[in-house]
Amino acid sequence: MSDYFNLPEELFAEILVRLPIEDVVKSTAVCKSWNSLIKTPTFISAHLEKTISFNNSTNTHHLLFRICPKESFLQERVEEKYSLRLDNEDVDEYKELHLPSNVESFWRCFRVAGSINGLSLFR
């Protein structure tokens, strides 16, 4: 990996650790060495620490919302949506979360149990 970019692995890891999680996940498909690096406990901890540090420095927090349209309660299948938003009056940004198809097939059993340090627990 370091020969390809002429960068020491530590420097390359520092660059990756600053990327948003969506880009980090996509980067696992680039090559085996990137995949191996990104999946190490050291990298995961460093990325989480950077994310938490950034959120604390910008005084923002992520909020996970469960949205059930009122009209869907009359239907047999309730269509639920989840969105992740920043808790900051200056930032009006949110991202809708798309569930994997295997989770959607068990929609009656799926609920958000909680969220902490960037991780969400679904039951």
PDB file of N, CA and C in Angstrom:
ATOM      1  N   MET A   1       0.827  -1.198   0.000  1.00  0.00           N
ATOM      2  CA  MET A   1       0.000   0.000   0.000  1.00  0.00           C
ATOM      3  C   MET A   1       0.863   1.250   0.000  1.00  0.00           C
ATOM      4  N   SER A   2       1.896   1.315   0.828  1.00  0.00           N
ATOM      5  CA  SER A   2       2.695   2.535   0.918  1.00  0.00           C
ATOM      6  C   SER A   2       3.486   2.796  -0.359  1.00  0.00           C
ATOM      7  N   ASP A   3       3.867   1.724  -1.106  1.00  0.00           N
ATOM      8  CA  ASP A   3       4.580   1.931  -2.367  1.00  0.00           C
ATOM      9  C   ASP A   3       3.675   2.585  -3.408  1.00  0.00           C
ATOM     10  N   TYR A   4       2.433   2.198  -3.427  1.00  0.00           N
ATOM     11  CA  TYR A   4       1.497   2.705  -4.411  1.00  0.00           C
ATOM     12  C   TYR A   4       1.296   4.209  -4.281  1.00  0.00           C
ATOM     13  N   PHE A   5       1.193   4.691  -3.081  1.00  0.00           N
ATOM     14  CA  PHE A   5       0.944   6.109  -2.866  1.00  0.00           C
ATOM     15  C   PHE A   5       2.187   6.872  -2.438  1.00  0.00           C
ATOM     16  N   ASN A   6       3.284   6.165  -2.215  1.00  0.00           N
ATOM     17  CA  ASN A   6       4.508   6.774  -1.693  1.00  0.00           C
ATOM     18  C   ASN A   6       4.248   7.496  -0.382  1.00  0.00           C
ATOM     19  N   LEU A   7       3.346   6.955   0.404  1.00  0.00           N
ATOM     20  CA  LEU A   7       3.028   7.505   1.717  1.00  0.00           C
ATOM     21  C   LEU A   7       3.261   6.428   2.769  1.00  0.00           C
ATOM     22  N   PRO A   8       3.782   6.811   3.916  1.00  0.00           N
ATOM     23  CA  PRO A   8       3.869   5.836   5.007  1.00  0.00           C
ATOM     24  C   PRO A   8       2.458   5.410   5.416  1.00  0.00           C
ATOM     25  N   GLU A   9       2.316   4.165   5.846  1.00  0.00           N
ATOM     26  CA  GLU A   9       1.000   3.642   6.216  1.00  0.00           C
ATOM     27  C   GLU A   9       0.348   4.472   7.317  1.00  0.00           C
ATOM     28  N   GLU A  10       1.142   4.979   8.260  1.00  0.00           N
ATOM     29  CA  GLU A  10       0.596   5.782   9.356  1.00  0.00           C
ATOM     30  C   GLU A  10      -0.043   7.069   8.831  1.00  0.00           C
ATOM     31  N   LEU A  11       0.608   7.698   7.860  1.00  0.00           N
ATOM     32  CA  LEU A  11       0.068   8.925   7.276  1.00  0.00           C
ATOM     33  C   LEU A  11      -1.206   8.629   6.483  1.00  0.00           C
ATOM     34  N   PHE A  12      -1.175   7.532   5.746  1.00  0.00           N
ATOM     35  CA  PHE A  12      -2.348   7.144   4.976  1.00  0.00           C
ATOM     36  C   PHE A  12      -3.526   6.848   5.907  1.00  0.00           C
ATOM     37  N   ALA A  13      -3.263   6.172   7.019  1.00  0.00           N
ATOM     38  CA  ALA A  13      -4.314   5.880   8.000  1.00  0.00           C
ATOM     39  C   ALA A  13      -4.871   7.175   8.581  1.00  0.00           C
ATOM     40  N   GLU A  14      -4.011   8.150   8.809  1.00  0.00           N
ATOM     41  CA  GLU A  14      -4.459   9.441   9.353  1.00  0.00           C
ATOM     42  C   GLU A  14      -5.377  10.163   8.360  1.00  0.00           C
ATOM     43  N   ILE A  15      -5.115  10.016   7.084  1.00  0.00           N
ATOM     44  CA  ILE A  15      -5.984  10.618   6.058  1.00  0.00           C
ATOM     45  C   ILE A  15      -7.344   9.922   6.061  1.00  0.00           C
ATOM     46  N   LEU A  16      -7.323   8.595   6.062  1.00  0.00           N
ATOM     47  CA  LEU A  16      -8.578   7.840   6.044  1.00  0.00           C
ATOM     48  C   LEU A  16      -9.429   8.085   7.282  1.00  0.00           C
ATOM     49  N   VAL A  17      -8.774   8.242   8.432  1.00  0.00           N
ATOM     50  CA  VAL A  17      -9.509   8.399   9.683  1.00  0.00           C
ATOM     51  C   VAL A  17     -10.297   9.714   9.718  1.00  0.00           C
ATOM     52  N   ARG A  18      -9.944  10.661   8.862  1.00  0.00           N
ATOM     53  CA  ARG A  18     -10.630  11.959   8.814  1.00  0.00           C
ATOM     54  C   ARG A  18     -11.820  11.976   7.850  1.00  0.00           C
ATOM     55  N   LEU A  19     -12.010  10.903   7.110  1.00  0.00           N
ATOM     56  CA  LEU A  19     -13.120  10.833   6.155  1.00  0.00           C
ATOM     57  C   LEU A  19     -14.439  10.543   6.863  1.00  0.00           C
ATOM     58  N   PRO A  20     -15.557  10.978   6.274  1.00  0.00           N
ATOM     59  CA  PRO A  20     -16.867  10.586   6.813  1.00  0.00           C
ATOM     60  C   PRO A  20     -17.023   9.063   6.725  1.00  0.00           C
ATOM     61  N   ILE A  21     -17.815   8.497   7.609  1.00  0.00           N
ATOM     62  CA  ILE A  21     -17.946   7.043   7.688  1.00  0.00           C
ATOM     63  C   ILE A  21     -18.424   6.426   6.376  1.00  0.00           C
ATOM     64  N   GLU A  22     -19.290   7.112   5.640  1.00  0.00           N
ATOM     65  CA  GLU A  22     -19.773   6.577   4.365  1.00  0.00           C
ATOM     66  C   GLU A  22     -18.612   6.354   3.402  1.00  0.00           C
ATOM     67  N   ASP A  23     -17.676   7.300   3.353  1.00  0.00           N
ATOM     68  CA  ASP A  23     -16.521   7.178   2.469  1.00  0.00           C
ATOM     69  C   ASP A  23     -15.553   6.114   2.960  1.00  0.00           C
ATOM     70  N   VAL A  24     -15.433   5.967   4.270  1.00  0.00           N
ATOM     71  CA  VAL A  24     -14.563   4.927   4.828  1.00  0.00           C
ATOM     72  C   VAL A  24     -15.094   3.551   4.438  1.00  0.00           C
ATOM     73  N   VAL A  25     -16.401   3.363   4.561  1.00  0.00           N
ATOM     74  CA  VAL A  25     -17.006   2.077   4.197  1.00  0.00           C
ATOM     75  C   VAL A  25     -16.783   1.791   2.714  1.00  0.00           C
ATOM     76  N   LYS A  26     -16.974   2.779   1.866  1.00  0.00           N
ATOM     77  CA  LYS A  26     -16.736   2.598   0.427  1.00  0.00           C
ATOM     78  C   LYS A  26     -15.271   2.273   0.153  1.00  0.00           C
ATOM     79  N   SER A  27     -14.370   2.816   0.947  1.00  0.00           N
ATOM     80  CA  SER A  27     -12.935   2.602   0.746  1.00  0.00           C
ATOM     81  C   SER A  27     -12.508   1.166   1.008  1.00  0.00           C
ATOM     82  N   THR A  28     -13.318   0.408   1.741  1.00  0.00           N
ATOM     83  CA  THR A  28     -12.959  -0.990   1.991  1.00  0.00           C
ATOM     84  C   THR A  28     -12.964  -1.809   0.707  1.00  0.00           C
ATOM     85  N   ALA A  29     -13.648  -1.333  -0.324  1.00  0.00           N
ATOM     86  CA  ALA A  29     -13.729  -2.062  -1.588  1.00  0.00           C
ATOM     87  C   ALA A  29     -12.599  -1.707  -2.554  1.00  0.00           C
ATOM     88  N   VAL A  30     -11.755  -0.751  -2.203  1.00  0.00           N
ATOM     89  CA  VAL A  30     -10.693  -0.309  -3.116  1.00  0.00           C
ATOM     90  C   VAL A  30      -9.643  -1.395  -3.312  1.00  0.00           C
ATOM     91  N   CYS A  31      -9.124  -1.924  -2.219  1.00  0.00           N
ATOM     92  CA  CYS A  31      -8.130  -2.993  -2.303  1.00  0.00           C
ATOM     93  C   CYS A  31      -8.053  -3.711  -0.958  1.00  0.00           C
ATOM     94  N   LYS A  32      -7.388  -4.863  -0.952  1.00  0.00           N
ATOM     95  CA  LYS A  32      -7.309  -5.680   0.263  1.00  0.00           C
ATOM     96  C   LYS A  32      -6.585  -4.962   1.393  1.00  0.00           C
ATOM     97  N   SER A  33      -5.542  -4.223   1.069  1.00  0.00           N
ATOM     98  CA  SER A  33      -4.782  -3.554   2.132  1.00  0.00           C
ATOM     99  C   SER A  33      -5.610  -2.449   2.797  1.00  0.00           C
ATOM    100  N   TRP A  34      -6.414  -1.727   2.012  1.00  0.00           N
ATOM    101  CA  TRP A  34      -7.289  -0.708   2.602  1.00  0.00           C
ATOM    102  C   TRP A  34      -8.335  -1.383   3.482  1.00  0.00           C
ATOM    103  N   ASN A  35      -8.913  -2.459   2.974  1.00  0.00           N
ATOM    104  CA  ASN A  35      -9.920  -3.195   3.728  1.00  0.00           C
ATOM    105  C   ASN A  35      -9.345  -3.674   5.060  1.00  0.00           C
ATOM    106  N   SER A  36      -8.159  -4.250   5.019  1.00  0.00           N
ATOM    107  CA  SER A  36      -7.519  -4.748   6.244  1.00  0.00           C
ATOM    108  C   SER A  36      -7.253  -3.621   7.228  1.00  0.00           C
ATOM    109  N   LEU A  37      -6.735  -2.509   6.740  1.00  0.00           N
ATOM    110  CA  LEU A  37      -6.432  -1.367   7.601  1.00  0.00           C
ATOM    111  C   LEU A  37      -7.699  -0.825   8.267  1.00  0.00           C
ATOM    112  N   ILE A  38      -8.749  -0.639   7.488  1.00  0.00           N
ATOM    113  CA  ILE A  38      -9.985  -0.037   7.984  1.00  0.00           C
ATOM    114  C   ILE A  38     -10.679  -0.926   9.012  1.00  0.00           C
ATOM    115  N   LYS A  39     -10.503  -2.226   8.906  1.00  0.00           N
ATOM    116  CA  LYS A  39     -11.176  -3.150   9.821  1.00  0.00           C
ATOM    117  C   LYS A  39     -10.395  -3.442  11.102  1.00  0.00           C
ATOM    118  N   THR A  40      -9.235  -2.832  11.267  1.00  0.00           N
ATOM    119  CA  THR A  40      -8.475  -3.057  12.501  1.00  0.00           C
ATOM    120  C   THR A  40      -9.126  -2.315  13.661  1.00  0.00           C
ATOM    121  N   PRO A  41      -9.072  -2.892  14.867  1.00  0.00           N
ATOM    122  CA  PRO A  41      -9.625  -2.203  16.038  1.00  0.00           C
ATOM    123  C   PRO A  41      -8.981  -0.835  16.277  1.00  0.00           C
ATOM    124  N   THR A  42      -7.701  -0.707  15.969  1.00  0.00           N
ATOM    125  CA  THR A  42      -7.006   0.570  16.152  1.00  0.00           C
ATOM    126  C   THR A  42      -7.607   1.645  15.255  1.00  0.00           C
ATOM    127  N   PHE A  43      -7.834   1.312  13.981  1.00  0.00           N
ATOM    128  CA  PHE A  43      -8.411   2.282  13.054  1.00  0.00           C
ATOM    129  C   PHE A  43      -9.838   2.642  13.467  1.00  0.00           C
ATOM    130  N   ILE A  44     -10.628   1.640  13.821  1.00  0.00           N
ATOM    131  CA  ILE A  44     -12.021   1.876  14.213  1.00  0.00           C
ATOM    132  C   ILE A  44     -12.080   2.806  15.421  1.00  0.00           C
ATOM    133  N   SER A  45     -11.239   2.548  16.416  1.00  0.00           N
ATOM    134  CA  SER A  45     -11.203   3.404  17.613  1.00  0.00           C
ATOM    135  C   SER A  45     -10.772   4.823  17.267  1.00  0.00           C
ATOM    136  N   ALA A  46      -9.754   4.937  16.404  1.00  0.00           N
ATOM    137  CA  ALA A  46      -9.260   6.261  16.015  1.00  0.00           C
ATOM    138  C   ALA A  46     -10.336   7.039  15.261  1.00  0.00           C
ATOM    139  N   HIS A  47     -11.060   6.365  14.363  1.00  0.00           N
ATOM    140  CA  HIS A  47     -12.111   7.040  13.598  1.00  0.00           C
ATOM    141  C   HIS A  47     -13.234   7.499  14.519  1.00  0.00           C
ATOM    142  N   LEU A  48     -13.642   6.645  15.440  1.00  0.00           N
ATOM    143  CA  LEU A  48     -14.694   7.014  16.385  1.00  0.00           C
ATOM    144  C   LEU A  48     -14.255   8.181  17.258  1.00  0.00           C
ATOM    145  N   GLU A  49     -13.009   8.143  17.715  1.00  0.00           N
ATOM    146  CA  GLU A  49     -12.479   9.231  18.550  1.00  0.00           C
ATOM    147  C   GLU A  49     -12.466  10.557  17.792  1.00  0.00           C
ATOM    148  N   LYS A  50     -12.024  10.529  16.520  1.00  0.00           N
ATOM    149  CA  LYS A  50     -12.017  11.751  15.694  1.00  0.00           C
ATOM    150  C   LYS A  50     -13.434  12.283  15.498  1.00  0.00           C
ATOM    151  N   THR A  51     -14.371  11.374  15.234  1.00  0.00           N
ATOM    152  CA  THR A  51     -15.755  11.784  15.008  1.00  0.00           C
ATOM    153  C   THR A  51     -16.340  12.425  16.253  1.00  0.00           C
ATOM    154  N   ILE A  52     -16.131  11.796  17.401  1.00  0.00           N
ATOM    155  CA  ILE A  52     -16.643  12.342  18.661  1.00  0.00           C
ATOM    156  C   ILE A  52     -15.978  13.672  18.971  1.00  0.00           C
ATOM    157  N   SER A  53     -14.669  13.748  18.770  1.00  0.00           N
ATOM    158  CA  SER A  53     -13.924  14.982  19.020  1.00  0.00           C
ATOM    159  C   SER A  53     -14.435  16.112  18.131  1.00  0.00           C
ATOM    160  N   PHE A  54     -14.670  15.812  16.848  1.00  0.00           N
ATOM    161  CA  PHE A  54     -15.178  16.817  15.923  1.00  0.00           C
ATOM    162  C   PHE A  54     -16.567  17.276  16.344  1.00  0.00           C
ATOM    163  N   ASN A  55     -17.435  16.326  16.692  1.00  0.00           N
ATOM    164  CA  ASN A  55     -18.793  16.686  17.104  1.00  0.00           C
ATOM    165  C   ASN A  55     -18.781  17.531  18.363  1.00  0.00           C
ATOM    166  N   ASN A  56     -17.908  17.219  19.303  1.00  0.00           N
ATOM    167  CA  ASN A  56     -17.821  18.009  20.530  1.00  0.00           C
ATOM    168  C   ASN A  56     -17.261  19.400  20.253  1.00  0.00           C
ATOM    169  N   SER A  57     -16.293  19.495  19.340  1.00  0.00           N
ATOM    170  CA  SER A  57     -15.695  20.796  19.043  1.00  0.00           C
ATOM    171  C   SER A  57     -16.651  21.700  18.279  1.00  0.00           C
ATOM    172  N   THR A  58     -17.534  21.114  17.491  1.00  0.00           N
ATOM    173  CA  THR A  58     -18.511  21.924  16.759  1.00  0.00           C
ATOM    174  C   THR A  58     -19.823  22.019  17.520  1.00  0.00           C
ATOM    175  N   ASN A  59     -19.846  21.417  18.701  1.00  0.00           N
ATOM    176  CA  ASN A  59     -21.013  21.469  19.576  1.00  0.00           C
ATOM    177  C   ASN A  59     -22.258  20.913  18.893  1.00  0.00           C
ATOM    178  N   THR A  60     -22.081  19.825  18.154  1.00  0.00           N
ATOM    179  CA  THR A  60     -23.214  19.169  17.512  1.00  0.00           C
ATOM    180  C   THR A  60     -23.300  17.727  17.983  1.00  0.00           C
ATOM    181  N   HIS A  61     -24.487  17.213  17.946  1.00  0.00           N
ATOM    182  CA  HIS A  61     -24.734  15.822  18.281  1.00  0.00           C
ATOM    183  C   HIS A  61     -25.693  15.261  17.245  1.00  0.00           C
ATOM    184  N   HIS A  62     -25.607  13.973  17.037  1.00  0.00           N
ATOM    185  CA  HIS A  62     -26.507  13.332  16.091  1.00  0.00           C
ATOM    186  C   HIS A  62     -27.746  12.825  16.812  1.00  0.00           C
ATOM    187  N   LEU A  63     -28.884  13.042  16.203  1.00  0.00           N
ATOM    188  CA  LEU A  63     -30.147  12.557  16.736  1.00  0.00           C
ATOM    189  C   LEU A  63     -30.746  11.567  15.748  1.00  0.00           C
ATOM    190  N   LEU A  64     -31.209  10.435  16.242  1.00  0.00           N
ATOM    191  CA  LEU A  64     -31.843   9.434  15.396  1.00  0.00           C
ATOM    192  C   LEU A  64     -33.352   9.539  15.585  1.00  0.00           C
ATOM    193  N   PHE A  65     -34.075   9.783  14.477  1.00  0.00           N
ATOM    194  CA  PHE A  65     -35.523   9.930  14.531  1.00  0.00           C
ATOM    195  C   PHE A  65     -36.209   8.741  13.878  1.00  0.00           C
ATOM    196  N   ARG A  66     -37.283   8.288  14.481  1.00  0.00           N
ATOM    197  CA  ARG A  66     -38.149   7.268  13.895  1.00  0.00           C
ATOM    198  C   ARG A  66     -39.407   7.987  13.436  1.00  0.00           C
ATOM    199  N   ILE A  67     -39.714   7.871  12.152  1.00  0.00           N
ATOM    200  CA  ILE A  67     -40.836   8.601  11.572  1.00  0.00           C
ATOM    201  C   ILE A  67     -41.894   7.600  11.111  1.00  0.00           C
ATOM    202  N   CYS A  68     -43.081   7.707  11.655  1.00  0.00           N
ATOM    203  CA  CYS A  68     -44.214   6.867  11.244  1.00  0.00           C
ATOM    204  C   CYS A  68     -45.319   7.797  10.763  1.00  0.00           C
ATOM    205  N   PRO A  69     -45.562   7.852   9.461  1.00  0.00           N
ATOM    206  CA  PRO A  69     -46.630   8.718   8.963  1.00  0.00           C
ATOM    207  C   PRO A  69     -47.969   8.357   9.603  1.00  0.00           C
ATOM    208  N   LYS A  70     -48.738   9.366   9.952  1.00  0.00           N
ATOM    209  CA  LYS A  70     -50.006   9.171  10.665  1.00  0.00           C
ATOM    210  C   LYS A  70     -50.950   8.243   9.897  1.00  0.00           C
ATOM    211  N   GLU A  71     -51.047   8.426   8.590  1.00  0.00           N
ATOM    212  CA  GLU A  71     -51.973   7.616   7.801  1.00  0.00           C
ATOM    213  C   GLU A  71     -51.562   6.149   7.742  1.00  0.00           C
ATOM    214  N   SER A  72     -50.296   5.835   7.992  1.00  0.00           N
ATOM    215  CA  SER A  72     -49.847   4.447   7.906  1.00  0.00           C
ATOM    216  C   SER A  72     -50.352   3.598   9.064  1.00  0.00           C
ATOM    217  N   PHE A  73     -50.806   4.222  10.150  1.00  0.00           N
ATOM    218  CA  PHE A  73     -51.313   3.456  11.280  1.00  0.00           C
ATOM    219  C   PHE A  73     -52.617   2.737  10.932  1.00  0.00           C
ATOM    220  N   LEU A  74     -53.326   3.211   9.923  1.00  0.00           N
ATOM    221  CA  LEU A  74     -54.571   2.579   9.506  1.00  0.00           C
ATOM    222  C   LEU A  74     -54.320   1.376   8.609  1.00  0.00           C
ATOM    223  N   GLN A  75     -53.112   1.236   8.121  1.00  0.00           N
ATOM    224  CA  GLN A  75     -52.767   0.135   7.234  1.00  0.00           C
ATOM    225  C   GLN A  75     -52.220  -1.030   8.047  1.00  0.00           C
ATOM    226  N   GLU A  76     -52.228  -2.208   7.429  1.00  0.00           N
ATOM    227  CA  GLU A  76     -51.703  -3.390   8.119  1.00  0.00           C
ATOM    228  C   GLU A  76     -50.202  -3.254   8.361  1.00  0.00           C
ATOM    229  N   ARG A  77     -49.490  -2.780   7.374  1.00  0.00           N
ATOM    230  CA  ARG A  77     -48.038  -2.620   7.489  1.00  0.00           C
ATOM    231  C   ARG A  77     -47.724  -1.147   7.714  1.00  0.00           C
ATOM    232  N   VAL A  78     -47.104  -0.842   8.831  1.00  0.00           N
ATOM    233  CA  VAL A  78     -46.728   0.533   9.145  1.00  0.00           C
ATOM    234  C   VAL A  78     -45.388   0.820   8.482  1.00  0.00           C
ATOM    235  N   GLU A  79     -45.354   1.841   7.640  1.00  0.00           N
ATOM    236  CA  GLU A  79     -44.106   2.209   6.977  1.00  0.00           C
ATOM    237  C   GLU A  79     -43.328   3.159   7.875  1.00  0.00           C
ATOM    238  N   GLU A  80     -42.212   2.662   8.383  1.00  0.00           N
ATOM    239  CA  GLU A  80     -41.381   3.472   9.264  1.00  0.00           C
ATOM    240  C   GLU A  80     -40.162   3.958   8.498  1.00  0.00           C
ATOM    241  N   LYS A  81     -39.730   5.151   8.805  1.00  0.00           N
ATOM    242  CA  LYS A  81     -38.503   5.691   8.227  1.00  0.00           C
ATOM    243  C   LYS A  81     -37.646   6.185   9.373  1.00  0.00           C
ATOM    244  N   TYR A  82     -36.357   6.136   9.158  1.00  0.00           N
ATOM    245  CA  TYR A  82     -35.416   6.612  10.159  1.00  0.00           C
ATOM    246  C   TYR A  82     -34.537   7.668   9.519  1.00  0.00           C
ATOM    247  N   SER A  83     -34.244   8.721  10.269  1.00  0.00           N
ATOM    248  CA  SER A  83     -33.333   9.739   9.749  1.00  0.00           C
ATOM    249  C   SER A  83     -32.352  10.132  10.836  1.00  0.00           C
ATOM    250  N   LEU A  84     -31.170  10.498  10.409  1.00  0.00           N
ATOM    251  CA  LEU A  84     -30.103  10.921  11.302  1.00  0.00           C
ATOM    252  C   LEU A  84     -29.899  12.409  11.078  1.00  0.00           C
ATOM    253  N   ARG A  85     -30.027  13.190  12.135  1.00  0.00           N
ATOM    254  CA  ARG A  85     -29.929  14.653  12.018  1.00  0.00           C
ATOM    255  C   ARG A  85     -28.906  15.201  12.991  1.00  0.00           C
ATOM    256  N   LEU A  86     -28.362  16.351  12.646  1.00  0.00           N
ATOM    257  CA  LEU A  86     -27.446  17.037  13.550  1.00  0.00           C
ATOM    258  C   LEU A  86     -28.246  17.910  14.502  1.00  0.00           C
ATOM    259  N   ASP A  87     -27.899  17.866  15.776  1.00  0.00           N
ATOM    260  CA  ASP A  87     -28.584  18.662  16.792  1.00  0.00           C
ATOM    261  C   ASP A  87     -27.849  19.988  16.945  1.00  0.00           C
ATOM    262  N   ASN A  88     -28.116  20.890  16.024  1.00  0.00           N
ATOM    263  CA  ASN A  88     -27.455  22.181  16.020  1.00  0.00           C
ATOM    264  C   ASN A  88     -28.364  23.146  15.266  1.00  0.00           C
ATOM    265  N   GLU A  89     -28.719  24.241  15.885  1.00  0.00           N
ATOM    266  CA  GLU A  89     -29.630  25.194  15.247  1.00  0.00           C
ATOM    267  C   GLU A  89     -29.051  25.785  13.968  1.00  0.00           C
ATOM    268  N   ASP A  90     -27.718  25.856  13.877  1.00  0.00           N
ATOM    269  CA  ASP A  90     -27.084  26.449  12.704  1.00  0.00           C
ATOM    270  C   ASP A  90     -27.024  25.486  11.524  1.00  0.00           C
ATOM    271  N   VAL A  91     -27.210  24.213  11.775  1.00  0.00           N
ATOM    272  CA  VAL A  91     -27.079  23.208  10.725  1.00  0.00           C
ATOM    273  C   VAL A  91     -28.435  22.567  10.481  1.00  0.00           C
ATOM    274  N   ASP A  92     -28.938  22.722   9.278  1.00  0.00           N
ATOM    275  CA  ASP A  92     -30.210  22.115   8.916  1.00  0.00           C
ATOM    276  C   ASP A  92     -29.917  20.985   7.932  1.00  0.00           C
ATOM    277  N   GLU A  93     -29.359  19.912   8.435  1.00  0.00           N
ATOM    278  CA  GLU A  93     -28.921  18.812   7.587  1.00  0.00           C
ATOM    279  C   GLU A  93     -29.422  17.507   8.181  1.00  0.00           C
ATOM    280  N   TYR A  94     -29.890  16.623   7.328  1.00  0.00           N
ATOM    281  CA  TYR A  94     -30.281  15.308   7.809  1.00  0.00           C
ATOM    282  C   TYR A  94     -30.034  14.288   6.717  1.00  0.00           C
ATOM    283  N   LYS A  95     -30.003  13.036   7.127  1.00  0.00           N
ATOM    284  CA  LYS A  95     -29.774  11.965   6.181  1.00  0.00           C
ATOM    285  C   LYS A  95     -30.749  10.842   6.471  1.00  0.00           C
ATOM    286  N   GLU A  96     -31.509  10.454   5.464  1.00  0.00           N
ATOM    287  CA  GLU A  96     -32.429   9.337   5.643  1.00  0.00           C
ATOM    288  C   GLU A  96     -31.627   8.048   5.634  1.00  0.00           C
ATOM    289  N   LEU A  97     -31.937   7.169   6.554  1.00  0.00           N
ATOM    290  CA  LEU A  97     -31.244   5.888   6.639  1.00  0.00           C
ATOM    291  C   LEU A  97     -32.032   4.848   5.860  1.00  0.00           C
ATOM    292  N   HIS A  98     -31.361   4.128   4.984  1.00  0.00           N
ATOM    293  CA  HIS A  98     -31.997   3.069   4.210  1.00  0.00           C
ATOM    294  C   HIS A  98     -31.637   1.734   4.839  1.00  0.00           C
ATOM    295  N   LEU A  99     -32.654   0.937   5.108  1.00  0.00           N
ATOM    296  CA  LEU A  99     -32.445  -0.347   5.759  1.00  0.00           C
ATOM    297  C   LEU A  99     -32.089  -1.416   4.743  1.00  0.00           C
ATOM    298  N   PRO A 100     -31.220  -2.342   5.122  1.00  0.00           N
ATOM    299  CA  PRO A 100     -30.932  -3.472   4.232  1.00  0.00           C
ATOM    300  C   PRO A 100     -32.202  -4.285   3.992  1.00  0.00           C
ATOM    301  N   SER A 101     -32.301  -4.928   2.838  1.00  0.00           N
ATOM    302  CA  SER A 101     -33.524  -5.655   2.489  1.00  0.00           C
ATOM    303  C   SER A 101     -33.827  -6.775   3.473  1.00  0.00           C
ATOM    304  N   ASN A 102     -32.799  -7.408   4.046  1.00  0.00           N
ATOM    305  CA  ASN A 102     -33.076  -8.483   4.996  1.00  0.00           C
ATOM    306  C   ASN A 102     -33.687  -7.946   6.289  1.00  0.00           C
ATOM    307  N   VAL A 103     -33.428  -6.693   6.641  1.00  0.00           N
ATOM    308  CA  VAL A 103     -34.044  -6.080   7.820  1.00  0.00           C
ATOM    309  C   VAL A 103     -35.482  -5.691   7.503  1.00  0.00           C
ATOM    310  N   GLU A 104     -35.709  -5.152   6.308  1.00  0.00           N
ATOM    311  CA  GLU A 104     -37.055  -4.731   5.937  1.00  0.00           C
ATOM    312  C   GLU A 104     -38.030  -5.903   5.903  1.00  0.00           C
ATOM    313  N   SER A 105     -37.538  -7.109   5.602  1.00  0.00           N
ATOM    314  CA  SER A 105     -38.432  -8.258   5.543  1.00  0.00           C
ATOM    315  C   SER A 105     -38.950  -8.650   6.925  1.00  0.00           C
ATOM    316  N   PHE A 106     -38.263  -8.230   7.965  1.00  0.00           N
ATOM    317  CA  PHE A 106     -38.704  -8.500   9.330  1.00  0.00           C
ATOM    318  C   PHE A 106     -39.178  -7.211   9.994  1.00  0.00           C
ATOM    319  N   TRP A 107     -39.945  -6.402   9.273  1.00  0.00           N
ATOM    320  CA  TRP A 107     -40.327  -5.067   9.729  1.00  0.00           C
ATOM    321  C   TRP A 107     -41.064  -5.071  11.052  1.00  0.00           C
ATOM    322  N   ARG A 108     -41.816  -6.106  11.363  1.00  0.00           N
ATOM    323  CA  ARG A 108     -42.569  -6.106  12.616  1.00  0.00           C
ATOM    324  C   ARG A 108     -41.657  -6.253  13.827  1.00  0.00           C
ATOM    325  N   CYS A 109     -40.489  -6.829  13.635  1.00  0.00           N
ATOM    326  CA  CYS A 109     -39.568  -7.074  14.750  1.00  0.00           C
ATOM    327  C   CYS A 109     -38.541  -5.963  14.910  1.00  0.00           C
ATOM    328  N   PHE A 110     -38.466  -5.069  13.965  1.00  0.00           N
ATOM    329  CA  PHE A 110     -37.383  -4.093  13.917  1.00  0.00           C
ATOM    330  C   PHE A 110     -37.729  -2.831  14.691  1.00  0.00           C
ATOM    331  N   ARG A 111     -36.896  -2.492  15.659  1.00  0.00           N
ATOM    332  CA  ARG A 111     -37.053  -1.258  16.426  1.00  0.00           C
ATOM    333  C   ARG A 111     -35.674  -0.715  16.784  1.00  0.00           C
ATOM    334  N   VAL A 112     -35.580   0.585  16.944  1.00  0.00           N
ATOM    335  CA  VAL A 112     -34.340   1.195  17.416  1.00  0.00           C
ATOM    336  C   VAL A 112     -34.357   1.129  18.936  1.00  0.00           C
ATOM    337  N   ALA A 113     -33.352   0.462  19.504  1.00  0.00           N
ATOM    338  CA  ALA A 113     -33.278   0.322  20.961  1.00  0.00           C
ATOM    339  C   ALA A 113     -32.512   1.479  21.585  1.00  0.00           C
ATOM    340  N   GLY A 114     -31.510   2.004  20.884  1.00  0.00           N
ATOM    341  CA  GLY A 114     -30.738   3.115  21.424  1.00  0.00           C
ATOM    342  C   GLY A 114     -29.572   3.475  20.534  1.00  0.00           C
ATOM    343  N   SER A 115     -28.889   4.558  20.900  1.00  0.00           N
ATOM    344  CA  SER A 115     -27.748   5.033  20.132  1.00  0.00           C
ATOM    345  C   SER A 115     -26.773   5.710  21.081  1.00  0.00           C
ATOM    346  N   ILE A 116     -25.489   5.395  20.933  1.00  0.00           N
ATOM    347  CA  ILE A 116     -24.456   6.018  21.755  1.00  0.00           C
ATOM    348  C   ILE A 116     -23.120   5.953  21.015  1.00  0.00           C
ATOM    349  N   ASN A 117     -22.345   7.016  21.112  1.00  0.00           N
ATOM    350  CA  ASN A 117     -21.011   7.078  20.504  1.00  0.00           C
ATOM    351  C   ASN A 117     -20.995   6.667  19.036  1.00  0.00           C
ATOM    352  N   GLY A 118     -21.997   7.072  18.301  1.00  0.00           N
ATOM    353  CA  GLY A 118     -22.013   6.801  16.870  1.00  0.00           C
ATOM    354  C   GLY A 118     -22.538   5.435  16.491  1.00  0.00           C
ATOM    355  N   LEU A 119     -22.925   4.624  17.458  1.00  0.00           N
ATOM    356  CA  LEU A 119     -23.456   3.298  17.170  1.00  0.00           C
ATOM    357  C   LEU A 119     -24.941   3.272  17.496  1.00  0.00           C
ATOM    358  N   SER A 120     -25.709   2.622  16.639  1.00  0.00           N
ATOM    359  CA  SER A 120     -27.141   2.469  16.888  1.00  0.00           C
ATOM    360  C   SER A 120     -27.439   0.999  17.111  1.00  0.00           C
ATOM    361  N   LEU A 121     -28.287   0.719  18.085  1.00  0.00           N
ATOM    362  CA  LEU A 121     -28.676  -0.653  18.397  1.00  0.00           C
ATOM    363  C   LEU A 121     -30.111  -0.859  17.946  1.00  0.00           C
ATOM    364  N   PHE A 122     -30.303  -1.857  17.088  1.00  0.00           N
ATOM    365  CA  PHE A 122     -31.627  -2.196  16.594  1.00  0.00           C
ATOM    366  C   PHE A 122     -32.035  -3.537  17.178  1.00  0.00           C
ATOM    367  N   ARG A 123     -33.297  -3.658  17.562  1.00  0.00           N
ATOM    368  CA  ARG A 123     -33.771  -4.951  18.065  1.00  0.00           C
ATOM    369  C   ARG A 123     -34.996  -5.384  17.306  1.00  0.00           C
TER     370      ARG A 123
END
